[in-house]
Amino acid sequence: MRDGMIDGAALDIVPDDPALRLRPAGPSDEPFIRHLFEEVRTGQFAATGLSGPILDQVIAQQFSSQTAGYAAQFPDALSLIVTRDGTAIGRLLLHCASERLHIVDIALLPADCGHGAGTKIIESLAASARQLSVEALTLTVLASNVAAHRFYLRRGFAETGQAGAAHIAMRKDLT
């Protein structure tokens, strides 16, 4: 994948698994991105006791809210689709700056979690950033998402403080 520029240099994110690739998202990916959000979030909201049409409405509202929020806060973010053997399995939303790459959002379909794709994406992102002399990868994780928090800690991210009331800021130094 060649997309995104940092100080005039192209960002190449190529996982070492030949079946795993990233490609720029386009308008035709909107249904998949919505489906991915629904798959990831339905379990979280269902745990609150919501179900049926009410749950569907909450998920739709949350998706619209997240999409608008990301567009407002990171208007130039790269939206990438993660594929395995050509089939979409996830998404990476990345904000590029010369000193850091900020992972705005990364999500895989639940059925594709736990098979190494997330690790390979983070590793290839770090390798690409190092080639461009980017100092760090940063992200925020929902404090209640214990599994994701542990995943990032195992990949070398460290907590740098709170990011709002519900998120933890994290950073992985690359220098």
N, C-alpha and C. Protein backbone atom coordinates (compact mmCIF):
# COMPACT_ATOMS: atom_id res chain seq x y z
N MET A 1 0.84 -1.17 0.00
CA MET A 1 0.00 0.00 0.00
C MET A 1 0.88 1.22 0.00
N ARG A 2 0.63 2.13 -0.89
CA ARG A 2 1.32 3.42 -0.89
C ARG A 2 0.23 4.47 -0.81
N ASP A 3 0.12 5.07 0.36
CA ASP A 3 -0.87 6.11 0.54
C ASP A 3 -0.42 6.97 1.69
N GLY A 4 -0.71 8.22 1.62
CA GLY A 4 -0.35 9.11 2.71
C GLY A 4 1.07 9.62 2.52
N MET A 5 1.27 10.83 2.94
CA MET A 5 2.59 11.45 2.83
C MET A 5 2.96 12.03 4.17
N ILE A 6 4.23 11.92 4.51
CA ILE A 6 4.78 12.55 5.69
C ILE A 6 5.99 13.33 5.22
N ASP A 7 5.90 14.64 5.31
CA ASP A 7 6.99 15.51 4.85
C ASP A 7 7.43 15.14 3.43
N GLY A 8 6.45 14.85 2.57
CA GLY A 8 6.72 14.56 1.18
C GLY A 8 7.11 13.11 0.88
N ALA A 9 7.26 12.29 1.91
CA ALA A 9 7.62 10.88 1.70
C ALA A 9 6.37 10.02 1.85
N ALA A 10 6.29 8.99 1.02
CA ALA A 10 5.12 8.10 1.05
C ALA A 10 5.20 7.15 2.23
N LEU A 11 4.06 6.88 2.81
CA LEU A 11 3.92 5.93 3.91
C LEU A 11 3.57 4.57 3.32
N ASP A 12 4.44 3.58 3.51
CA ASP A 12 4.21 2.22 3.03
C ASP A 12 3.89 1.34 4.23
N ILE A 13 2.72 0.74 4.24
CA ILE A 13 2.34 -0.17 5.32
C ILE A 13 2.11 -1.53 4.68
N VAL A 14 3.08 -2.41 4.84
CA VAL A 14 3.01 -3.72 4.20
C VAL A 14 3.29 -4.80 5.26
N PRO A 15 2.24 -5.42 5.79
CA PRO A 15 2.46 -6.50 6.76
C PRO A 15 3.27 -7.64 6.16
N ASP A 16 4.01 -8.38 7.01
CA ASP A 16 4.85 -9.46 6.51
C ASP A 16 4.06 -10.72 6.15
N ASP A 17 2.75 -10.71 6.34
CA ASP A 17 1.88 -11.80 5.93
C ASP A 17 1.34 -11.46 4.54
N PRO A 18 1.70 -12.23 3.50
CA PRO A 18 1.27 -11.87 2.14
C PRO A 18 -0.24 -11.89 1.94
N ALA A 19 -0.97 -12.57 2.81
CA ALA A 19 -2.43 -12.59 2.69
C ALA A 19 -3.07 -11.32 3.25
N LEU A 20 -2.32 -10.60 4.06
CA LEU A 20 -2.83 -9.42 4.77
C LEU A 20 -2.36 -8.15 4.08
N ARG A 21 -3.28 -7.30 3.69
CA ARG A 21 -2.94 -6.05 3.00
C ARG A 21 -3.83 -4.92 3.47
N LEU A 22 -3.37 -3.70 3.23
CA LEU A 22 -4.16 -2.50 3.50
C LEU A 22 -4.33 -1.76 2.19
N ARG A 23 -5.53 -1.24 1.99
CA ARG A 23 -5.80 -0.45 0.79
C ARG A 23 -6.63 0.77 1.19
N PRO A 24 -6.54 1.84 0.41
CA PRO A 24 -7.35 3.02 0.73
C PRO A 24 -8.84 2.68 0.68
N ALA A 25 -9.58 3.21 1.64
CA ALA A 25 -11.03 3.04 1.65
C ALA A 25 -11.63 4.01 0.64
N GLY A 26 -12.71 3.57 0.03
CA GLY A 26 -13.43 4.42 -0.91
C GLY A 26 -14.91 4.44 -0.57
N PRO A 27 -15.70 5.20 -1.32
CA PRO A 27 -17.13 5.29 -1.04
C PRO A 27 -17.83 3.92 -1.04
N SER A 28 -17.35 2.99 -1.86
CA SER A 28 -17.98 1.67 -1.90
C SER A 28 -17.72 0.85 -0.64
N ASP A 29 -16.81 1.31 0.22
CA ASP A 29 -16.52 0.60 1.47
C ASP A 29 -17.43 1.02 2.63
N GLU A 30 -18.26 2.03 2.42
CA GLU A 30 -19.15 2.51 3.47
C GLU A 30 -20.00 1.39 4.09
N PRO A 31 -20.64 0.51 3.29
CA PRO A 31 -21.42 -0.57 3.91
C PRO A 31 -20.57 -1.49 4.79
N PHE A 32 -19.33 -1.78 4.35
CA PHE A 32 -18.47 -2.63 5.18
C PHE A 32 -18.08 -1.92 6.47
N ILE A 33 -17.73 -0.65 6.40
CA ILE A 33 -17.33 0.10 7.59
C ILE A 33 -18.49 0.15 8.59
N ARG A 34 -19.70 0.34 8.10
CA ARG A 34 -20.89 0.33 8.97
C ARG A 34 -21.08 -1.07 9.58
N HIS A 35 -20.94 -2.11 8.75
CA HIS A 35 -21.08 -3.48 9.24
C HIS A 35 -20.02 -3.79 10.30
N LEU A 36 -18.79 -3.37 10.07
CA LEU A 36 -17.70 -3.58 11.03
C LEU A 36 -18.05 -2.92 12.36
N PHE A 37 -18.51 -1.67 12.31
CA PHE A 37 -18.91 -0.97 13.53
C PHE A 37 -20.00 -1.74 14.27
N GLU A 38 -21.00 -2.19 13.53
CA GLU A 38 -22.10 -2.95 14.13
C GLU A 38 -21.60 -4.23 14.78
N GLU A 39 -20.72 -4.96 14.08
CA GLU A 39 -20.19 -6.21 14.62
C GLU A 39 -19.41 -5.99 15.90
N VAL A 40 -18.59 -4.95 15.91
CA VAL A 40 -17.74 -4.67 17.07
C VAL A 40 -18.57 -4.13 18.24
N ARG A 41 -19.52 -3.27 17.95
CA ARG A 41 -20.24 -2.57 19.02
C ARG A 41 -21.51 -3.26 19.52
N THR A 42 -22.13 -4.10 18.73
CA THR A 42 -23.39 -4.71 19.15
C THR A 42 -23.24 -5.47 20.46
N GLY A 43 -22.17 -6.25 20.58
CA GLY A 43 -21.95 -6.98 21.83
C GLY A 43 -21.79 -6.06 23.02
N GLN A 44 -21.11 -4.95 22.82
CA GLN A 44 -20.90 -3.99 23.91
C GLN A 44 -22.23 -3.40 24.38
N PHE A 45 -23.06 -3.02 23.43
CA PHE A 45 -24.34 -2.40 23.80
C PHE A 45 -25.36 -3.43 24.25
N ALA A 46 -25.31 -4.64 23.70
CA ALA A 46 -26.25 -5.69 24.11
C ALA A 46 -26.04 -6.04 25.58
N ALA A 47 -24.80 -5.89 26.07
CA ALA A 47 -24.50 -6.17 27.48
C ALA A 47 -25.25 -5.23 28.42
N THR A 48 -25.73 -4.11 27.89
CA THR A 48 -26.48 -3.16 28.72
C THR A 48 -27.96 -3.54 28.82
N GLY A 49 -28.34 -4.60 28.10
CA GLY A 49 -29.73 -5.05 28.13
C GLY A 49 -30.56 -4.55 26.97
N LEU A 50 -29.97 -3.75 26.09
CA LEU A 50 -30.71 -3.28 24.91
C LEU A 50 -30.82 -4.42 23.91
N SER A 51 -31.92 -4.42 23.16
CA SER A 51 -32.09 -5.43 22.12
C SER A 51 -33.04 -4.92 21.05
N GLY A 52 -33.13 -5.68 19.96
CA GLY A 52 -34.07 -5.40 18.88
C GLY A 52 -33.90 -4.03 18.25
N PRO A 53 -35.03 -3.40 17.90
CA PRO A 53 -34.99 -2.11 17.20
C PRO A 53 -34.31 -1.00 18.01
N ILE A 54 -34.43 -1.06 19.32
CA ILE A 54 -33.78 -0.02 20.15
C ILE A 54 -32.27 -0.15 20.03
N LEU A 55 -31.75 -1.37 20.11
CA LEU A 55 -30.32 -1.59 19.95
C LEU A 55 -29.87 -1.14 18.56
N ASP A 56 -30.63 -1.49 17.53
CA ASP A 56 -30.29 -1.08 16.16
C ASP A 56 -30.23 0.44 16.04
N GLN A 57 -31.16 1.13 16.67
CA GLN A 57 -31.20 2.59 16.62
C GLN A 57 -29.99 3.19 17.35
N VAL A 58 -29.65 2.65 18.51
CA VAL A 58 -28.50 3.15 19.26
C VAL A 58 -27.22 2.95 18.45
N ILE A 59 -27.06 1.77 17.86
CA ILE A 59 -25.87 1.48 17.05
C ILE A 59 -25.78 2.45 15.87
N ALA A 60 -26.89 2.68 15.19
CA ALA A 60 -26.90 3.61 14.05
C ALA A 60 -26.53 5.02 14.49
N GLN A 61 -27.06 5.46 15.61
CA GLN A 61 -26.74 6.80 16.12
C GLN A 61 -25.27 6.89 16.51
N GLN A 62 -24.76 5.86 17.17
CA GLN A 62 -23.35 5.85 17.57
C GLN A 62 -22.42 5.87 16.35
N PHE A 63 -22.78 5.12 15.32
CA PHE A 63 -21.97 5.10 14.09
C PHE A 63 -21.95 6.50 13.46
N SER A 64 -23.11 7.13 13.34
CA SER A 64 -23.17 8.48 12.76
C SER A 64 -22.37 9.46 13.58
N SER A 65 -22.47 9.35 14.88
CA SER A 65 -21.76 10.24 15.79
C SER A 65 -20.25 10.05 15.66
N GLN A 66 -19.81 8.79 15.65
CA GLN A 66 -18.38 8.52 15.52
C GLN A 66 -17.85 9.02 14.18
N THR A 67 -18.57 8.74 13.11
CA THR A 67 -18.14 9.17 11.78
C THR A 67 -17.99 10.68 11.70
N ALA A 68 -18.99 11.40 12.21
CA ALA A 68 -18.94 12.87 12.19
C ALA A 68 -17.82 13.39 13.09
N GLY A 69 -17.63 12.77 14.24
CA GLY A 69 -16.58 13.20 15.15
C GLY A 69 -15.20 13.02 14.56
N TYR A 70 -14.96 11.87 13.96
CA TYR A 70 -13.66 11.63 13.33
C TYR A 70 -13.42 12.60 12.18
N ALA A 71 -14.44 12.85 11.37
CA ALA A 71 -14.30 13.76 10.24
C ALA A 71 -13.98 15.18 10.70
N ALA A 72 -14.59 15.59 11.82
CA ALA A 72 -14.33 16.94 12.34
C ALA A 72 -12.95 17.05 12.99
N GLN A 73 -12.57 16.04 13.75
CA GLN A 73 -11.32 16.10 14.50
C GLN A 73 -10.10 15.75 13.64
N PHE A 74 -10.28 14.84 12.68
CA PHE A 74 -9.17 14.38 11.84
C PHE A 74 -9.58 14.41 10.37
N PRO A 75 -9.81 15.61 9.81
CA PRO A 75 -10.35 15.70 8.44
C PRO A 75 -9.43 15.12 7.38
N ASP A 76 -8.13 15.06 7.65
CA ASP A 76 -7.19 14.55 6.64
C ASP A 76 -6.68 13.14 6.97
N ALA A 77 -7.37 12.44 7.86
CA ALA A 77 -6.93 11.09 8.24
C ALA A 77 -7.03 10.13 7.06
N LEU A 78 -6.10 9.17 7.02
CA LEU A 78 -6.13 8.12 6.01
C LEU A 78 -7.09 7.04 6.48
N SER A 79 -8.03 6.68 5.65
CA SER A 79 -8.95 5.59 5.95
C SER A 79 -8.55 4.40 5.10
N LEU A 80 -8.13 3.34 5.78
CA LEU A 80 -7.62 2.15 5.10
C LEU A 80 -8.47 0.94 5.45
N ILE A 81 -8.63 0.06 4.49
CA ILE A 81 -9.34 -1.19 4.71
C ILE A 81 -8.30 -2.31 4.82
N VAL A 82 -8.43 -3.12 5.86
CA VAL A 82 -7.56 -4.27 6.07
C VAL A 82 -8.21 -5.45 5.35
N THR A 83 -7.44 -6.12 4.52
CA THR A 83 -7.96 -7.29 3.81
C THR A 83 -7.11 -8.51 4.11
N ARG A 84 -7.77 -9.67 4.10
CA ARG A 84 -7.06 -10.96 4.16
C ARG A 84 -7.51 -11.72 2.92
N ASP A 85 -6.54 -12.06 2.08
CA ASP A 85 -6.83 -12.75 0.81
C ASP A 85 -7.88 -11.99 0.00
N GLY A 86 -7.80 -10.66 0.03
CA GLY A 86 -8.69 -9.82 -0.77
C GLY A 86 -10.04 -9.52 -0.15
N THR A 87 -10.36 -10.13 0.99
CA THR A 87 -11.65 -9.91 1.64
C THR A 87 -11.47 -8.93 2.80
N ALA A 88 -12.32 -7.92 2.86
CA ALA A 88 -12.23 -6.92 3.93
C ALA A 88 -12.49 -7.56 5.29
N ILE A 89 -11.56 -7.32 6.23
CA ILE A 89 -11.71 -7.85 7.59
C ILE A 89 -11.59 -6.76 8.65
N GLY A 90 -11.22 -5.54 8.24
CA GLY A 90 -11.04 -4.50 9.24
C GLY A 90 -10.77 -3.15 8.63
N ARG A 91 -10.47 -2.21 9.53
CA ARG A 91 -10.24 -0.83 9.13
C ARG A 91 -9.18 -0.21 10.02
N LEU A 92 -8.38 0.66 9.42
CA LEU A 92 -7.40 1.47 10.13
C LEU A 92 -7.62 2.91 9.70
N LEU A 93 -7.87 3.77 10.68
CA LEU A 93 -7.99 5.21 10.42
C LEU A 93 -6.78 5.85 11.07
N LEU A 94 -5.98 6.54 10.27
CA LEU A 94 -4.66 6.98 10.70
C LEU A 94 -4.46 8.47 10.40
N HIS A 95 -4.05 9.20 11.42
CA HIS A 95 -3.71 10.61 11.24
C HIS A 95 -2.19 10.72 11.21
N CYS A 96 -1.66 11.25 10.12
CA CYS A 96 -0.21 11.32 9.91
C CYS A 96 0.33 12.72 10.19
N ALA A 97 1.37 12.78 10.99
CA ALA A 97 2.10 14.01 11.24
C ALA A 97 3.59 13.66 11.19
N SER A 98 4.43 14.66 11.02
CA SER A 98 5.86 14.36 10.86
C SER A 98 6.47 13.74 12.11
N GLU A 99 5.95 14.07 13.30
CA GLU A 99 6.53 13.55 14.53
C GLU A 99 5.85 12.29 15.06
N ARG A 100 4.61 12.02 14.59
CA ARG A 100 3.90 10.85 15.09
C ARG A 100 2.83 10.41 14.12
N LEU A 101 2.47 9.13 14.22
CA LEU A 101 1.31 8.61 13.53
C LEU A 101 0.30 8.30 14.62
N HIS A 102 -0.89 8.86 14.50
CA HIS A 102 -1.92 8.65 15.51
C HIS A 102 -2.96 7.68 14.96
N ILE A 103 -3.11 6.55 15.65
CA ILE A 103 -4.12 5.57 15.27
C ILE A 103 -5.45 6.08 15.83
N VAL A 104 -6.27 6.64 14.95
CA VAL A 104 -7.56 7.18 15.33
C VAL A 104 -8.50 6.03 15.66
N ASP A 105 -8.50 5.00 14.81
CA ASP A 105 -9.36 3.85 15.00
C ASP A 105 -8.74 2.66 14.29
N ILE A 106 -8.79 1.52 14.95
CA ILE A 106 -8.41 0.27 14.32
C ILE A 106 -9.40 -0.76 14.82
N ALA A 107 -9.96 -1.51 13.90
CA ALA A 107 -10.96 -2.52 14.27
C ALA A 107 -10.90 -3.66 13.27
N LEU A 108 -11.07 -4.86 13.80
CA LEU A 108 -11.18 -6.06 12.98
C LEU A 108 -12.50 -6.73 13.28
N LEU A 109 -13.06 -7.41 12.29
CA LEU A 109 -14.26 -8.20 12.56
C LEU A 109 -13.95 -9.17 13.69
N PRO A 110 -14.89 -9.37 14.60
CA PRO A 110 -14.64 -10.27 15.74
C PRO A 110 -14.11 -11.64 15.33
N ALA A 111 -14.60 -12.19 14.24
CA ALA A 111 -14.14 -13.51 13.79
C ALA A 111 -12.67 -13.50 13.36
N ASP A 112 -12.13 -12.32 13.06
CA ASP A 112 -10.74 -12.21 12.60
C ASP A 112 -9.79 -11.77 13.71
N CYS A 113 -10.30 -11.55 14.90
CA CYS A 113 -9.46 -11.19 16.04
C CYS A 113 -8.79 -12.43 16.60
N GLY A 114 -7.61 -12.23 17.16
CA GLY A 114 -6.91 -13.32 17.79
C GLY A 114 -6.11 -14.21 16.86
N HIS A 115 -5.96 -13.77 15.60
CA HIS A 115 -5.21 -14.56 14.61
C HIS A 115 -3.95 -13.86 14.14
N GLY A 116 -3.56 -12.77 14.82
CA GLY A 116 -2.31 -12.09 14.51
C GLY A 116 -2.40 -10.90 13.58
N ALA A 117 -3.55 -10.64 12.98
CA ALA A 117 -3.65 -9.53 12.03
C ALA A 117 -3.38 -8.19 12.71
N GLY A 118 -3.93 -7.97 13.89
CA GLY A 118 -3.72 -6.70 14.59
C GLY A 118 -2.25 -6.48 14.89
N THR A 119 -1.58 -7.52 15.36
CA THR A 119 -0.15 -7.43 15.66
C THR A 119 0.64 -7.10 14.40
N LYS A 120 0.34 -7.77 13.31
CA LYS A 120 1.06 -7.54 12.07
C LYS A 120 0.83 -6.11 11.54
N ILE A 121 -0.36 -5.60 11.71
CA ILE A 121 -0.64 -4.22 11.27
C ILE A 121 0.17 -3.23 12.11
N ILE A 122 0.14 -3.40 13.42
CA ILE A 122 0.90 -2.49 14.30
C ILE A 122 2.39 -2.58 13.98
N GLU A 123 2.92 -3.79 13.81
CA GLU A 123 4.34 -3.96 13.49
C GLU A 123 4.71 -3.30 12.17
N SER A 124 3.88 -3.48 11.14
CA SER A 124 4.20 -2.89 9.83
C SER A 124 4.04 -1.38 9.86
N LEU A 125 3.10 -0.90 10.63
CA LEU A 125 2.93 0.55 10.79
C LEU A 125 4.15 1.14 11.48
N ALA A 126 4.63 0.49 12.53
CA ALA A 126 5.82 0.97 13.24
C ALA A 126 7.05 0.94 12.33
N ALA A 127 7.21 -0.13 11.55
CA ALA A 127 8.36 -0.23 10.64
C ALA A 127 8.33 0.87 9.59
N SER A 128 7.16 1.13 9.03
CA SER A 128 7.04 2.19 8.04
C SER A 128 7.33 3.55 8.65
N ALA A 129 6.82 3.77 9.85
CA ALA A 129 7.06 5.05 10.53
C ALA A 129 8.54 5.25 10.82
N ARG A 130 9.22 4.20 11.26
CA ARG A 130 10.67 4.29 11.54
C ARG A 130 11.44 4.68 10.27
N GLN A 131 11.06 4.10 9.13
CA GLN A 131 11.74 4.42 7.87
C GLN A 131 11.62 5.91 7.53
N LEU A 132 10.55 6.52 8.00
CA LEU A 132 10.33 7.94 7.72
C LEU A 132 10.76 8.83 8.89
N SER A 133 11.46 8.24 9.85
CA SER A 133 11.95 8.95 11.04
C SER A 133 10.84 9.56 11.89
N VAL A 134 9.69 8.91 11.89
CA VAL A 134 8.59 9.33 12.76
C VAL A 134 8.93 8.85 14.16
N GLU A 135 8.72 9.70 15.16
CA GLU A 135 9.14 9.40 16.52
C GLU A 135 8.28 8.40 17.27
N ALA A 136 6.96 8.38 16.98
CA ALA A 136 6.08 7.57 17.81
C ALA A 136 4.77 7.23 17.12
N LEU A 137 4.16 6.15 17.62
CA LEU A 137 2.77 5.84 17.32
C LEU A 137 1.97 6.24 18.56
N THR A 138 0.82 6.86 18.36
CA THR A 138 -0.03 7.23 19.49
C THR A 138 -1.44 6.75 19.22
N LEU A 139 -2.21 6.64 20.30
CA LEU A 139 -3.61 6.26 20.19
C LEU A 139 -4.29 6.55 21.51
N THR A 140 -5.61 6.45 21.50
CA THR A 140 -6.37 6.45 22.74
C THR A 140 -7.22 5.19 22.73
N VAL A 141 -7.41 4.63 23.91
CA VAL A 141 -8.20 3.41 24.05
C VAL A 141 -9.24 3.65 25.13
N LEU A 142 -10.42 3.15 24.91
CA LEU A 142 -11.49 3.24 25.89
C LEU A 142 -11.03 2.53 27.16
N ALA A 143 -11.08 3.21 28.28
CA ALA A 143 -10.60 2.64 29.54
C ALA A 143 -11.30 1.33 29.88
N SER A 144 -12.55 1.19 29.49
CA SER A 144 -13.30 -0.03 29.79
C SER A 144 -12.97 -1.18 28.82
N ASN A 145 -12.19 -0.91 27.77
CA ASN A 145 -11.81 -1.94 26.81
C ASN A 145 -10.50 -2.58 27.28
N VAL A 146 -10.62 -3.42 28.29
CA VAL A 146 -9.45 -4.03 28.93
C VAL A 146 -8.64 -4.86 27.95
N ALA A 147 -9.30 -5.61 27.09
CA ALA A 147 -8.58 -6.48 26.14
C ALA A 147 -7.73 -5.64 25.19
N ALA A 148 -8.28 -4.56 24.65
CA ALA A 148 -7.51 -3.71 23.74
C ALA A 148 -6.35 -3.04 24.48
N HIS A 149 -6.61 -2.58 25.69
CA HIS A 149 -5.57 -1.95 26.50
C HIS A 149 -4.39 -2.91 26.70
N ARG A 150 -4.68 -4.15 27.07
CA ARG A 150 -3.62 -5.15 27.25
C ARG A 150 -2.90 -5.44 25.93
N PHE A 151 -3.67 -5.50 24.83
CA PHE A 151 -3.07 -5.73 23.51
C PHE A 151 -2.00 -4.67 23.23
N TYR A 152 -2.34 -3.39 23.44
CA TYR A 152 -1.39 -2.31 23.16
C TYR A 152 -0.20 -2.35 24.10
N LEU A 153 -0.42 -2.65 25.36
CA LEU A 153 0.70 -2.76 26.30
C LEU A 153 1.67 -3.86 25.85
N ARG A 154 1.15 -5.00 25.39
CA ARG A 154 2.01 -6.09 24.92
C ARG A 154 2.77 -5.72 23.66
N ARG A 155 2.29 -4.73 22.91
CA ARG A 155 2.97 -4.30 21.69
C ARG A 155 3.87 -3.10 21.92
N GLY A 156 4.17 -2.79 23.17
CA GLY A 156 5.14 -1.74 23.48
C GLY A 156 4.59 -0.35 23.69
N PHE A 157 3.28 -0.21 23.73
CA PHE A 157 2.70 1.09 24.03
C PHE A 157 2.73 1.30 25.54
N ALA A 158 2.87 2.55 25.95
CA ALA A 158 2.83 2.90 27.37
C ALA A 158 1.75 3.96 27.58
N GLU A 159 1.13 3.92 28.74
CA GLU A 159 0.13 4.93 29.07
C GLU A 159 0.81 6.28 29.25
N THR A 160 0.17 7.32 28.71
CA THR A 160 0.71 8.67 28.89
C THR A 160 -0.27 9.58 29.64
N GLY A 161 -1.40 9.04 30.04
CA GLY A 161 -2.37 9.82 30.80
C GLY A 161 -3.79 9.59 30.32
N GLN A 162 -4.69 10.34 30.88
CA GLN A 162 -6.10 10.28 30.50
C GLN A 162 -6.32 11.11 29.24
N ALA A 163 -7.26 10.70 28.43
CA ALA A 163 -7.68 11.45 27.25
C ALA A 163 -9.19 11.61 27.37
N GLY A 164 -9.61 12.64 28.04
CA GLY A 164 -11.02 12.81 28.33
C GLY A 164 -11.41 11.93 29.51
N ALA A 165 -12.70 11.82 29.74
CA ALA A 165 -13.19 11.09 30.91
C ALA A 165 -13.11 9.58 30.76
N ALA A 166 -13.16 9.08 29.52
CA ALA A 166 -13.31 7.63 29.34
C ALA A 166 -12.16 6.95 28.59
N HIS A 167 -11.15 7.69 28.18
CA HIS A 167 -10.08 7.10 27.37
C HIS A 167 -8.71 7.25 28.03
N ILE A 168 -7.83 6.34 27.66
CA ILE A 168 -6.44 6.36 28.10
C ILE A 168 -5.58 6.68 26.88
N ALA A 169 -4.70 7.66 26.99
CA ALA A 169 -3.76 7.98 25.92
C ALA A 169 -2.56 7.04 26.03
N MET A 170 -2.08 6.58 24.88
CA MET A 170 -0.94 5.66 24.86
C MET A 170 0.03 6.07 23.75
N ARG A 171 1.29 5.69 23.95
CA ARG A 171 2.34 6.05 23.01
C ARG A 171 3.36 4.91 22.92
N LYS A 172 3.83 4.68 21.71
CA LYS A 172 4.91 3.72 21.46
C LYS A 172 6.05 4.51 20.82
N ASP A 173 7.14 4.69 21.54
CA ASP A 173 8.29 5.41 20.99
C ASP A 173 8.99 4.54 19.98
N LEU A 174 9.40 5.15 18.86
CA LEU A 174 10.03 4.42 17.77
C LEU A 174 11.50 4.74 17.60
N THR A 175 12.01 5.70 18.34
CA THR A 175 13.41 6.12 18.17
C THR A 175 14.34 5.34 19.06
